[in-house]
Amino acid sequence: MSLIGGIDPPINGAQKCRTPYEETEMSSSGHTTAPFARFEWLIAWRYLRAKRREGGVSVMTWISLIGVALAVFALIATLAVRSGFRIEFTNIILGANAHASINVAPHRNEAGQVVRVFSNYADLAERIAAAPGVKRAAAVVRGQVMVSANGRNTGVQVFGESYKDLLGIPLIVEPEVKIGKLKNFHNGVAIGSGVARTLGVTLGDTITLISPDGIKTAFGTSPRISTFEVVYVFQVGRYDIDNTRIYMPLADAQSFFNRDGVVDEIEVQLDDPDAVEDMVDMLTFLGGPNTWVWTWKNANGGFLQALKMEDNIMFIILSILVLIASMNIISGLIMLVKNKTRDVGILRTMGLTEGSILRVFFICGASVGVVGTLVGVIFGCLFAIYIDPIFTLINNIAGGGVWDPATRLLSHLPAKLQLADVLSAVSLSLGLSFIVTIFPARRAARLNPVEALRDE
């Protein structure tokens, strides 16, 4: 039986019927469903793939996605090259140079003579090599001379070391490129590839070393001239080493530089090169009185500081680039919200909460950020892995000269893909994408259904 107005009373105390969306919003216990329910993903996906004539912004979505992908690609590629530069540069420094060198400060001995060399170098090197944390200690005679061959001349730096000590220099034993056998070192000299190229010599040729500090005569000091056979050519990949360095047997170097029975310094290699500054006091003590220590960080501190400063600046600049790319997501999402105002009003009247509307549009914007980041990571990693053939192609297209080892000190463009760099790029991109998406999504969630449907 109907009541007044033709409205039947509730049967058995049942509640009024709900719309399908209201049923979706409510769980069996009467509480709202968990965030990011399936229907929210379905609505967001429908909006993302909608054509422009349907009120969608697929073109803006693609632009936003490509912008984020390019920004992430640039960030990962730059971080990889940055890490490659730092690691390559450090490895070459540590692989072809001593971590520390112990030198004699000029002083007068008991006879009143000025002393600048070590006389008891064999025992001293053995004592230093036995110290904890020290991998190798080698007696070295060092000097700068002019080398000549085939009518060509160039200045070089000569290192006199024993064959056993030379085997302790990793990049000389296993360089990028080598010609000859190091075991023949006692029969001649080992020279850098740049020196060999400048002089036009190769394995088995003879070079002439000329030192101004030669034999003293009644008419003054005459230059000392000696010839040596080239028995080994190395290329470590660093321009200033390959183009200036010659290794000579210790006995020959002592004779050539008038260092009979003495050496100029003791080169030291450590188990942990980064801890060299903590070892300075111990090495100075082991070297004895009137000695001082020069570390690889002292010699290359300017380069290391420049790399560190460049790292920080490049990360900040590229972070701004990622932020700009993320802003495209805001513009696209604002247009989407504007075009879907009527849909939002209808969904709200059907029972969707503000939270559901916010999550729908958040999914739209965040999905663009996630997909763009994923694409950028893939291409960025591929670029870092295959950077050598890519750069070779660019160099060939440009006609060569894109990479000049003389100014960059390295023979190729290094890149080192590290997990920490990739994760930092991903975190930055996703974080910015999620944050910028919240503001237009909140605007959509706060639309008044009545205002949204006023003109419908």
Protein backbone atom coordinates (compact mmCIF):
# COMPACT_ATOMS: atom_id res chain seq x y z
CA MET A 1 0.00 0.00 0.00
CA SER A 2 1.35 3.40 -1.04
CA LEU A 3 1.59 6.42 1.17
CA ILE A 4 0.75 10.00 0.20
CA GLY A 5 2.72 11.16 -2.82
CA GLY A 6 2.94 7.68 -4.31
CA ILE A 7 6.20 6.82 -2.57
CA ASP A 8 6.40 3.33 -1.18
CA PRO A 9 7.89 2.96 2.30
CA PRO A 10 11.14 1.06 2.80
CA ILE A 11 10.64 -2.69 2.86
CA ASN A 12 12.04 -4.51 5.91
CA GLY A 13 14.03 -1.42 6.87
CA ALA A 14 16.16 -1.53 3.69
CA GLN A 15 18.11 1.57 2.73
CA LYS A 16 17.58 3.46 -0.51
CA CYS A 17 19.25 2.07 -3.61
CA ARG A 18 22.77 3.31 -4.48
CA THR A 19 24.30 3.99 -7.84
CA PRO A 20 27.04 1.66 -9.11
CA TYR A 21 29.73 4.24 -8.25
CA GLU A 22 28.35 4.61 -4.75
CA GLU A 23 28.47 0.85 -4.39
CA THR A 24 32.08 0.92 -5.59
CA GLU A 25 32.95 3.62 -3.07
CA MET A 26 31.49 1.67 -0.18
CA SER A 27 32.91 -1.56 1.17
CA SER A 28 30.90 -4.32 2.78
CA SER A 29 31.54 -2.79 6.18
CA GLY A 30 30.27 0.63 5.09
CA HIS A 31 33.68 2.29 4.79
CA THR A 32 35.19 3.81 1.68
CA THR A 33 37.36 1.62 -0.51
CA ALA A 34 41.14 1.72 -0.33
CA PRO A 35 42.88 4.49 -2.30
CA PHE A 36 43.74 3.85 -5.95
CA ALA A 37 40.89 1.43 -6.52
CA ARG A 38 40.53 -0.27 -9.88
CA PHE A 39 37.82 2.07 -11.14
CA GLU A 40 40.09 5.09 -10.48
CA TRP A 41 42.76 3.57 -12.69
CA LEU A 42 40.18 2.82 -15.39
CA ILE A 43 38.91 6.42 -15.44
CA ALA A 44 42.46 7.80 -15.51
CA TRP A 45 43.41 5.51 -18.38
CA ARG A 46 40.28 6.57 -20.28
CA TYR A 47 41.25 10.22 -19.90
CA LEU A 48 44.85 9.63 -20.94
CA ARG A 49 43.99 7.88 -24.19
CA ALA A 50 41.09 10.19 -25.09
CA LYS A 51 41.36 12.05 -28.37
CA ARG A 52 41.27 15.81 -28.42
CA ARG A 53 37.81 15.87 -29.97
CA GLU A 54 36.61 13.87 -26.97
CA GLY A 55 37.96 16.43 -24.58
CA GLY A 56 41.28 14.66 -24.01
CA VAL A 57 44.79 16.05 -24.27
CA SER A 58 46.70 13.18 -25.84
CA VAL A 59 49.04 15.55 -27.70
CA MET A 60 49.98 17.37 -24.50
CA THR A 61 50.43 14.00 -22.81
CA TRP A 62 52.95 12.95 -25.45
CA ILE A 63 54.77 16.27 -25.23
CA SER A 64 55.01 15.95 -21.44
CA LEU A 65 56.19 12.35 -21.67
CA ILE A 66 58.89 13.15 -24.25
CA GLY A 67 60.04 16.17 -22.22
CA VAL A 68 60.48 14.10 -19.05
CA ALA A 69 62.21 11.30 -20.99
CA LEU A 70 64.69 13.70 -22.59
CA ALA A 71 65.43 15.39 -19.27
CA VAL A 72 66.09 12.07 -17.51
CA PHE A 73 68.17 10.88 -20.48
CA ALA A 74 70.31 14.03 -20.32
CA LEU A 75 70.70 13.72 -16.55
CA ILE A 76 71.77 10.06 -16.61
CA ALA A 77 74.11 10.57 -19.59
CA THR A 78 75.76 13.57 -17.92
CA LEU A 79 76.10 11.79 -14.57
CA ALA A 80 77.64 8.77 -16.33
CA VAL A 81 80.19 10.91 -18.19
CA ARG A 82 80.89 12.85 -15.00
CA SER A 83 81.55 9.64 -13.07
CA GLY A 84 83.59 8.29 -15.96
CA PHE A 85 85.80 11.38 -16.00
CA ARG A 86 86.40 11.21 -12.28
CA ILE A 87 87.10 7.47 -12.18
CA GLU A 88 89.20 7.44 -15.36
CA PHE A 89 91.22 10.44 -14.32
CA THR A 90 91.82 9.06 -10.84
CA ASN A 91 92.68 5.58 -12.12
CA ILE A 92 95.22 6.96 -14.56
CA ILE A 93 96.77 9.13 -11.87
CA LEU A 94 96.99 6.21 -9.47
CA GLY A 95 97.88 3.64 -12.13
CA ALA A 96 100.85 5.50 -13.63
CA ASN A 97 102.08 7.61 -10.72
CA ALA A 98 103.15 7.12 -7.16
CA HIS A 99 100.57 7.73 -4.47
CA ALA A 100 103.23 9.60 -2.51
CA SER A 101 106.89 10.47 -2.96
CA ILE A 102 109.40 11.01 -0.18
CA ASN A 103 111.92 13.71 -1.02
CA VAL A 104 115.00 15.15 0.69
CA ALA A 105 114.82 18.79 1.72
CA PRO A 106 118.09 20.56 0.76
CA HIS A 107 120.38 20.64 3.77
CA ARG A 108 124.07 20.60 4.59
CA ASN A 109 125.71 17.46 5.88
CA GLU A 110 128.57 17.23 8.36
CA ALA A 111 131.07 18.02 5.60
CA GLY A 112 129.19 21.20 4.72
CA GLN A 113 127.92 19.86 1.40
CA VAL A 114 124.35 20.54 0.25
CA VAL A 115 122.45 17.25 0.14
CA ARG A 116 119.29 16.72 -1.96
CA VAL A 117 119.42 12.95 -2.50
CA PHE A 118 119.07 9.63 -0.64
CA SER A 119 122.26 7.61 -0.31
CA ASN A 120 120.91 4.66 1.69
CA TYR A 121 117.97 4.21 -0.66
CA ALA A 122 117.92 0.38 -0.77
CA ASP A 123 117.49 -0.07 2.99
CA LEU A 124 115.12 2.90 3.17
CA ALA A 125 112.85 1.56 0.41
CA GLU A 126 112.79 -1.86 2.07
CA ARG A 127 111.88 -0.36 5.44
CA ILE A 128 109.08 1.77 3.97
CA ALA A 129 107.69 -1.16 1.94
CA ALA A 130 107.38 -3.18 5.17
CA ALA A 131 105.23 -0.51 6.84
CA PRO A 132 101.48 -1.24 7.28
CA GLY A 133 99.35 0.12 4.48
CA VAL A 134 102.25 0.39 2.02
CA LYS A 135 102.10 -1.75 -1.12
CA ARG A 136 105.30 -0.68 -2.87
CA ALA A 137 108.33 1.55 -2.29
CA ALA A 138 110.73 2.24 -5.14
CA ALA A 139 113.94 4.24 -5.45
CA VAL A 140 113.72 6.67 -8.38
CA VAL A 141 116.08 8.97 -10.25
CA ARG A 142 114.18 11.69 -12.05
CA GLY A 143 115.29 14.29 -14.56
CA GLN A 144 114.19 16.39 -17.51
CA VAL A 145 116.13 16.12 -20.75
CA MET A 146 115.80 16.68 -24.48
CA VAL A 147 115.40 13.61 -26.67
CA SER A 148 116.28 13.52 -30.34
CA ALA A 149 115.74 11.10 -33.23
CA ASN A 150 115.28 11.37 -37.01
CA GLY A 151 116.07 15.07 -36.85
CA ARG A 152 113.23 15.72 -34.39
CA ASN A 153 113.49 16.94 -30.80
CA THR A 154 111.19 17.13 -27.82
CA GLY A 155 111.42 17.58 -24.07
CA VAL A 156 110.72 14.57 -21.86
CA GLN A 157 110.76 13.52 -18.24
CA VAL A 158 112.96 10.52 -17.46
CA PHE A 159 112.23 8.11 -14.60
CA GLY A 160 115.04 5.79 -13.61
CA GLU A 161 113.72 2.66 -11.89
CA SER A 162 114.69 -0.95 -11.52
CA TYR A 163 112.83 -3.55 -13.57
CA LYS A 164 111.32 -5.01 -10.41
CA ASP A 165 109.96 -1.64 -9.31
CA LEU A 166 108.63 -0.89 -12.79
CA LEU A 167 106.52 -4.04 -12.64
CA GLY A 168 104.66 -2.43 -9.73
CA ILE A 169 103.19 0.33 -11.95
CA PRO A 170 99.89 -1.15 -13.26
CA LEU A 171 99.34 1.11 -16.27
CA ILE A 172 102.88 0.64 -17.54
CA VAL A 173 102.66 -3.12 -17.29
CA GLU A 174 99.14 -3.28 -18.80
CA PRO A 175 98.50 -0.03 -20.71
CA GLU A 176 95.79 0.62 -23.28
CA VAL A 177 98.28 -0.09 -26.08
CA LYS A 178 101.76 -1.55 -25.84
CA ILE A 179 104.48 -2.49 -28.32
CA GLY A 180 107.33 -4.76 -27.32
CA LYS A 181 108.02 -6.68 -24.13
CA LEU A 182 108.78 -5.09 -20.80
CA LYS A 183 111.14 -7.92 -19.89
CA ASN A 184 113.67 -6.36 -22.30
CA PHE A 185 113.73 -3.21 -20.18
CA HIS A 186 117.34 -3.75 -19.06
CA ASN A 187 118.47 -3.46 -22.71
CA GLY A 188 117.03 0.00 -23.40
CA VAL A 189 114.23 2.38 -22.48
CA ALA A 190 110.41 2.39 -22.38
CA ILE A 191 108.80 5.44 -23.95
CA GLY A 192 105.28 6.84 -24.21
CA SER A 193 103.37 6.53 -27.47
CA GLY A 194 103.25 10.31 -27.85
CA VAL A 195 107.03 10.57 -27.58
CA ALA A 196 107.44 7.79 -30.16
CA ARG A 197 105.00 9.50 -32.51
CA THR A 198 106.71 12.89 -32.16
CA LEU A 199 110.15 11.43 -32.85
CA GLY A 200 108.95 9.03 -35.52
CA VAL A 201 110.48 6.00 -33.81
CA THR A 202 109.23 2.53 -33.05
CA LEU A 203 110.46 -0.67 -31.45
CA GLY A 204 114.18 -1.26 -32.03
CA ASP A 205 114.99 2.31 -33.05
CA THR A 206 117.60 4.41 -31.24
CA ILE A 207 116.98 7.71 -29.49
CA THR A 208 119.48 10.24 -28.16
CA LEU A 209 119.09 11.82 -24.73
CA ILE A 210 120.76 15.18 -24.12
CA SER A 211 121.17 16.54 -20.60
CA PRO A 212 122.59 20.02 -19.88
CA ASP A 213 123.86 18.77 -16.52
CA GLY A 214 126.83 16.87 -17.91
CA ILE A 215 130.56 16.62 -17.39
CA LYS A 216 132.32 19.56 -15.74
CA THR A 217 135.49 20.66 -17.53
CA ALA A 218 137.88 23.59 -17.36
CA PHE A 219 135.76 25.30 -19.99
CA GLY A 220 132.50 24.75 -18.15
CA THR A 221 129.88 22.00 -18.10
CA SER A 222 129.45 20.12 -21.33
CA PRO A 223 126.11 18.46 -22.11
CA ARG A 224 125.87 14.74 -21.52
CA ILE A 225 124.71 12.79 -24.58
CA SER A 226 123.76 9.11 -24.59
CA THR A 227 121.89 6.85 -26.98
CA PHE A 228 119.36 4.18 -25.99
CA GLU A 229 117.36 1.57 -27.85
CA VAL A 230 113.55 1.66 -27.67
CA VAL A 231 112.45 -1.70 -26.27
CA TYR A 232 108.91 -0.88 -25.11
CA VAL A 233 106.25 1.64 -26.16
CA PHE A 234 103.20 2.25 -23.94
CA GLN A 235 99.99 4.27 -24.17
CA VAL A 236 98.17 4.70 -20.85
CA GLY A 237 95.51 7.04 -22.24
CA ARG A 238 96.58 10.25 -20.55
CA TYR A 239 98.11 12.83 -22.86
CA ASP A 240 100.63 14.36 -20.45
CA ILE A 241 102.06 10.91 -19.62
CA ASP A 242 102.14 9.40 -23.11
CA ASN A 243 103.77 12.51 -24.58
CA THR A 244 106.39 13.28 -21.95
CA ARG A 245 107.52 10.16 -20.14
CA ILE A 246 110.48 7.80 -20.59
CA TYR A 247 111.46 4.98 -18.21
CA MET A 248 115.14 4.03 -17.95
CA PRO A 249 116.93 1.33 -15.91
CA LEU A 250 118.00 2.72 -12.54
CA ALA A 251 121.72 2.09 -13.07
CA ASP A 252 121.70 3.83 -16.46
CA ALA A 253 119.77 6.78 -15.01
CA GLN A 254 122.22 7.13 -12.11
CA SER A 255 125.12 7.21 -14.57
CA PHE A 256 123.42 9.59 -17.00
CA PHE A 257 122.29 12.11 -14.36
CA ASN A 258 125.47 11.94 -12.23
CA ARG A 259 123.63 10.18 -9.38
CA ASP A 260 126.13 7.42 -8.71
CA GLY A 261 125.05 5.54 -5.58
CA VAL A 262 122.11 7.89 -4.83
CA VAL A 263 118.51 8.49 -5.90
CA ASP A 264 116.29 11.56 -5.97
CA GLU A 265 113.20 10.20 -4.21
CA ILE A 266 111.35 7.18 -2.91
CA GLU A 267 108.03 6.52 -4.63
CA VAL A 268 105.34 4.91 -2.48
CA GLN A 269 102.14 3.12 -3.44
CA LEU A 270 99.51 2.45 -0.78
CA ASP A 271 96.82 -0.15 -0.27
CA ASP A 272 94.26 2.68 0.04
CA PRO A 273 95.24 5.72 -2.07
CA ASP A 274 92.39 7.81 -0.63
CA ALA A 275 94.00 7.51 2.82
CA VAL A 276 97.29 9.01 1.66
CA GLU A 277 96.83 12.15 3.74
CA ASP A 278 96.59 10.02 6.90
CA MET A 279 99.87 8.31 5.99
CA VAL A 280 101.93 11.49 5.50
CA ASP A 281 103.19 11.67 9.12
CA MET A 282 104.22 8.01 9.14
CA LEU A 283 106.00 8.29 5.77
CA THR A 284 107.82 11.43 6.89
CA PHE A 285 108.99 9.62 10.02
CA LEU A 286 110.14 6.59 8.02
CA GLY A 287 111.97 8.83 5.55
CA GLY A 288 114.07 10.24 8.34
CA PRO A 289 115.12 13.81 9.16
CA ASN A 290 115.14 16.49 6.48
CA THR A 291 112.51 14.72 4.37
CA TRP A 292 109.11 15.79 3.13
CA VAL A 293 106.22 13.98 1.45
CA TRP A 294 104.38 14.99 -1.71
CA THR A 295 101.08 13.11 -2.35
CA TRP A 296 99.03 12.52 -5.47
CA LYS A 297 96.32 14.74 -4.02
CA ASN A 298 98.82 17.58 -3.68
CA ALA A 299 99.88 17.16 -7.30
CA ASN A 300 96.36 16.88 -8.70
CA GLY A 301 94.30 18.75 -6.13
CA GLY A 302 93.28 21.42 -8.63
CA PHE A 303 91.90 18.85 -11.07
CA LEU A 304 90.03 16.97 -8.35
CA GLN A 305 88.47 20.14 -6.94
CA ALA A 306 87.46 21.24 -10.44
CA LEU A 307 85.79 17.88 -11.08
CA LYS A 308 83.95 18.02 -7.78
CA MET A 309 82.72 21.56 -8.41
CA GLU A 310 81.67 20.62 -11.93
CA ASP A 311 79.76 17.62 -10.56
CA ASN A 312 77.70 19.79 -8.24
CA ILE A 313 77.02 22.51 -10.83
CA MET A 314 75.98 20.07 -13.55
CA PHE A 315 73.62 18.22 -11.23
CA ILE A 316 71.92 21.47 -10.21
CA ILE A 317 71.57 22.65 -13.82
CA LEU A 318 70.18 19.34 -15.03
CA SER A 319 67.82 19.18 -12.03
CA ILE A 320 66.35 22.46 -13.26
CA LEU A 321 65.95 20.86 -16.68
CA VAL A 322 63.99 17.98 -15.13
CA LEU A 323 61.84 20.50 -13.24
CA ILE A 324 61.05 22.36 -16.47
CA ALA A 325 60.09 19.09 -18.14
CA SER A 326 57.85 18.27 -15.18
CA MET A 327 56.07 21.59 -15.63
CA ASN A 328 54.71 20.27 -18.93
CA ILE A 329 52.78 17.75 -16.88
CA ILE A 330 51.08 20.61 -15.00
CA SER A 331 50.02 22.38 -18.19
CA GLY A 332 48.68 19.17 -19.70
CA LEU A 333 46.85 18.25 -16.52
CA ILE A 334 45.29 21.70 -16.16
CA MET A 335 43.94 21.40 -19.69
CA LEU A 336 42.62 17.94 -18.88
CA VAL A 337 40.85 19.21 -15.78
CA LYS A 338 39.30 22.06 -17.74
CA ASN A 339 38.06 19.73 -20.49
CA LYS A 340 36.71 17.21 -17.99
CA THR A 341 34.87 19.67 -15.74
CA ARG A 342 31.48 18.26 -16.82
CA ASP A 343 32.68 14.69 -16.24
CA VAL A 344 33.92 15.61 -12.76
CA GLY A 345 30.52 17.11 -11.92
CA ILE A 346 28.73 13.97 -13.07
CA LEU A 347 31.08 11.68 -11.17
CA ARG A 348 30.66 13.73 -8.01
CA THR A 349 26.85 13.54 -8.26
CA MET A 350 27.16 9.78 -8.73
CA GLY A 351 28.94 9.53 -5.41
CA LEU A 352 32.68 9.82 -6.02
CA THR A 353 34.49 11.58 -3.22
CA GLU A 354 37.01 14.42 -3.54
CA GLY A 355 39.73 11.90 -2.74
CA SER A 356 38.76 9.68 -5.67
CA ILE A 357 38.73 12.62 -8.09
CA LEU A 358 42.13 13.75 -6.80
CA ARG A 359 43.57 10.27 -7.24
CA VAL A 360 42.17 9.93 -10.78
CA PHE A 361 43.95 13.06 -11.98
CA PHE A 362 47.03 12.27 -9.89
CA ILE A 363 47.26 8.93 -11.69
CA CYS A 364 47.01 10.76 -15.03
CA GLY A 365 49.92 13.08 -14.26
CA ALA A 366 52.04 10.57 -12.35
CA SER A 367 51.70 7.98 -15.12
CA VAL A 368 53.22 10.42 -17.59
CA GLY A 369 56.11 11.03 -15.18
CA VAL A 370 56.68 7.31 -14.55
CA VAL A 371 56.61 6.31 -18.22
CA GLY A 372 58.76 9.28 -19.24
CA THR A 373 61.28 8.46 -16.50
CA LEU A 374 61.39 4.80 -17.55
CA VAL A 375 62.01 5.72 -21.19
CA GLY A 376 64.68 8.24 -20.18
CA VAL A 377 66.44 5.66 -17.99
CA ILE A 378 66.52 3.10 -20.80
CA PHE A 379 67.96 5.48 -23.38
CA GLY A 380 70.30 7.11 -20.86
CA CYS A 381 71.77 3.75 -19.85
CA LEU A 382 72.13 2.67 -23.48
CA PHE A 383 73.92 5.92 -24.29
CA ALA A 384 76.36 5.42 -21.41
CA ILE A 385 77.02 1.80 -22.38
CA TYR A 386 77.56 2.49 -26.09
CA ILE A 387 79.12 5.95 -25.78
CA ASP A 388 82.31 5.01 -27.65
CA PRO A 389 80.67 3.96 -30.96
CA ILE A 390 78.17 6.84 -30.66
CA PHE A 391 80.92 9.40 -30.15
CA THR A 392 83.01 7.86 -32.93
CA LEU A 393 80.05 8.31 -35.27
CA ILE A 394 79.64 11.94 -34.18
CA ASN A 395 83.35 12.55 -34.62
CA ASN A 396 83.25 11.08 -38.15
CA ILE A 397 80.21 13.13 -39.10
CA ALA A 398 81.90 16.29 -37.81
CA GLY A 399 85.07 15.48 -39.74
CA GLY A 400 87.18 14.77 -36.65
CA GLY A 401 88.63 17.05 -34.02
CA VAL A 402 85.62 16.87 -31.69
CA TRP A 403 87.75 15.28 -28.97
CA ASP A 404 91.26 16.68 -28.51
CA PRO A 405 93.37 14.63 -26.04
CA ALA A 406 95.90 17.46 -25.83
CA THR A 407 93.42 19.65 -23.97
CA ARG A 408 91.38 17.01 -22.17
CA LEU A 409 94.32 14.78 -21.10
CA LEU A 410 92.31 11.59 -21.84
CA SER A 411 92.44 9.67 -25.11
CA HIS A 412 88.69 8.99 -25.22
CA LEU A 413 85.40 10.16 -23.72
CA PRO A 414 84.86 8.08 -20.57
CA ALA A 415 81.48 7.09 -19.15
CA LYS A 416 80.77 4.99 -16.08
CA LEU A 417 77.19 3.95 -15.38
CA GLN A 418 76.67 3.74 -11.63
CA LEU A 419 73.57 2.57 -9.80
CA ALA A 420 73.67 5.55 -7.43
CA ASP A 421 73.57 8.01 -10.34
CA VAL A 422 70.64 6.22 -11.97
CA LEU A 423 68.72 6.08 -8.70
CA SER A 424 69.32 9.77 -8.03
CA ALA A 425 68.01 10.67 -11.51
CA VAL A 426 64.96 8.42 -11.08
CA SER A 427 64.22 9.77 -7.60
CA LEU A 428 64.50 13.37 -8.77
CA SER A 429 62.28 12.85 -11.81
CA LEU A 430 59.58 10.85 -10.03
CA GLY A 431 59.61 13.16 -7.00
CA LEU A 432 59.13 16.29 -9.11
CA SER A 433 56.51 14.58 -11.30
CA PHE A 434 54.46 13.50 -8.29
CA ILE A 435 54.72 16.86 -6.55
CA VAL A 436 53.71 19.01 -9.52
CA THR A 437 50.77 16.69 -10.25
CA ILE A 438 49.17 17.28 -6.86
CA PHE A 439 48.19 20.92 -7.47
CA PRO A 440 45.98 20.50 -10.59
CA ALA A 441 44.60 17.26 -9.13
CA ARG A 442 43.49 19.12 -5.99
CA ARG A 443 41.88 21.76 -8.15
CA ALA A 444 39.84 19.08 -9.91
CA ALA A 445 38.88 17.45 -6.61
CA ARG A 446 37.56 20.72 -5.22
CA LEU A 447 35.26 21.48 -8.16
CA ASN A 448 31.70 22.11 -7.03
CA PRO A 449 29.38 19.66 -8.83
CA VAL A 450 26.66 22.30 -9.07
CA GLU A 451 29.04 24.83 -10.67
CA ALA A 452 30.47 22.16 -12.97
CA LEU A 453 26.98 21.27 -14.29
CA ARG A 454 25.46 24.78 -14.22
CA ASP A 455 25.52 25.22 -18.01
CA GLU A 456 24.58 21.63 -18.85
